Amino acid sequence: MTQTREEARQRTATLKQVRDQHQDTVERTRALLKEQQTVRRQICRQLRSGPKTVPEIAEATSLPAHEILWHITAMKKYSLVQEVGQCGEYYQYAMAKEIES
């Protein structure tokens, strides 16, 4: 199916309008993603020194334990961290790459 120049211009104008209408959503999403990446970097920094529990990571990063658990769960889902043992009633987590080494 071949588009005429006019159809291509219309499509371009429509896409620009949609982007303009949703600019605030895009900016909020970018800010949230940036915040999540910052938290994940903090978690990774803590796990580089050895396996840690969620409360230990929370204390070291000054972030709430429920937020750390949320990120750990997501990182575990994508095989970035693994459970490597238990300390009391808490699982210990370590970076998956460091376990393979």
Protein backbone atom coordinates (compact mmCIF):
# COMPACT_ATOMS: atom_id res chain seq x y z
CA MET A 1 0.00 0.00 0.00
CA THR A 2 1.60 3.25 -1.15
CA GLN A 3 0.96 6.51 0.66
CA THR A 4 0.60 9.75 -1.18
CA ARG A 5 2.54 12.75 -0.01
CA GLU A 6 -0.60 14.30 1.40
CA GLU A 7 -1.40 11.16 3.42
CA ALA A 8 2.17 11.10 4.74
CA ARG A 9 1.92 14.77 5.79
CA GLN A 10 -1.40 14.10 7.51
CA ARG A 11 0.05 11.12 9.34
CA THR A 12 3.07 13.18 10.45
CA ALA A 13 0.81 16.01 11.66
CA THR A 14 -1.40 13.56 13.57
CA LEU A 15 1.60 11.93 15.27
CA LYS A 16 2.98 15.34 16.27
CA GLN A 17 -0.39 16.30 17.72
CA VAL A 18 -0.59 13.08 19.74
CA ARG A 19 2.97 13.58 21.06
CA ASP A 20 2.13 17.17 22.05
CA GLN A 21 -1.06 16.08 23.82
CA HIS A 22 0.77 13.43 25.85
CA GLN A 23 3.98 15.34 26.56
CA ASP A 24 3.24 15.61 30.29
CA THR A 25 2.67 11.85 30.52
CA VAL A 26 5.93 11.19 28.69
CA GLU A 27 7.82 13.53 31.03
CA ARG A 28 6.32 11.92 34.16
CA THR A 29 7.18 8.48 32.85
CA ARG A 30 10.77 9.51 32.12
CA ALA A 31 11.14 10.95 35.62
CA LEU A 32 9.76 7.75 37.18
CA LEU A 33 12.08 5.60 35.10
CA LYS A 34 15.06 7.74 36.11
CA GLU A 35 14.10 7.40 39.79
CA GLN A 36 13.75 3.62 39.45
CA GLN A 37 17.15 3.35 37.79
CA THR A 38 18.71 5.34 40.62
CA VAL A 39 17.22 2.99 43.23
CA ARG A 40 18.39 -0.07 41.30
CA ARG A 41 21.91 1.32 41.10
CA GLN A 42 21.87 1.84 44.88
CA ILE A 43 20.73 -1.75 45.39
CA CYS A 44 23.43 -3.08 43.04
CA ARG A 45 26.08 -1.03 44.88
CA GLN A 46 25.06 -2.69 48.15
CA LEU A 47 25.02 -6.19 46.69
CA ARG A 48 28.50 -5.85 45.17
CA SER A 49 29.98 -6.13 48.66
CA GLY A 50 28.21 -9.45 49.25
CA PRO A 51 24.79 -10.99 49.82
CA LYS A 52 22.33 -8.88 51.79
CA THR A 53 18.75 -9.09 53.04
CA VAL A 54 16.05 -6.58 52.15
CA PRO A 55 16.23 -4.90 55.61
CA GLU A 56 20.03 -4.57 55.31
CA ILE A 57 19.73 -2.94 51.88
CA ALA A 58 16.93 -0.67 53.13
CA GLU A 59 19.03 0.48 56.07
CA ALA A 60 22.11 1.09 53.91
CA THR A 61 20.18 3.06 51.29
CA SER A 62 17.76 4.85 53.66
CA LEU A 63 14.87 3.65 51.50
CA PRO A 64 11.74 1.88 52.78
CA ALA A 65 11.99 -1.91 52.88
CA HIS A 66 8.79 -2.31 50.84
CA GLU A 67 10.34 -0.28 48.02
CA ILE A 68 13.54 -2.35 48.12
CA LEU A 69 11.48 -5.55 48.06
CA TRP A 70 9.55 -4.29 45.02
CA HIS A 71 12.80 -3.63 43.12
CA ILE A 72 14.42 -6.88 44.27
CA THR A 73 11.37 -8.81 43.06
CA ALA A 74 11.58 -7.18 39.63
CA MET A 75 15.34 -7.71 39.45
CA LYS A 76 14.87 -11.36 40.44
CA LYS A 77 12.23 -11.82 37.72
CA TYR A 78 14.78 -10.74 35.10
CA SER A 79 17.60 -12.80 36.64
CA LEU A 80 19.61 -9.80 37.79
CA VAL A 81 19.65 -10.98 41.41
CA GLN A 82 19.21 -14.38 43.02
CA GLU A 83 18.37 -15.74 46.44
CA VAL A 84 21.57 -17.18 47.87
CA GLY A 85 20.58 -18.16 51.37
CA GLN A 86 18.77 -17.03 54.44
CA CYS A 87 19.67 -14.92 57.42
CA GLY A 88 17.10 -15.55 60.12
CA GLU A 89 13.71 -15.20 58.50
CA TYR A 90 14.97 -13.09 55.58
CA TYR A 91 16.30 -14.26 52.23
CA GLN A 92 19.71 -13.02 51.20
CA TYR A 93 20.17 -11.70 47.69
CA ALA A 94 23.25 -11.36 45.51
CA MET A 95 23.95 -10.15 41.99
CA ALA A 96 23.38 -13.03 39.55
CA LYS A 97 26.54 -12.30 37.53
CA GLU A 98 28.72 -12.47 40.63
CA ILE A 99 27.26 -15.85 41.56
CA GLU A 100 28.18 -17.29 38.13
CA SER A 101 31.78 -16.06 38.41
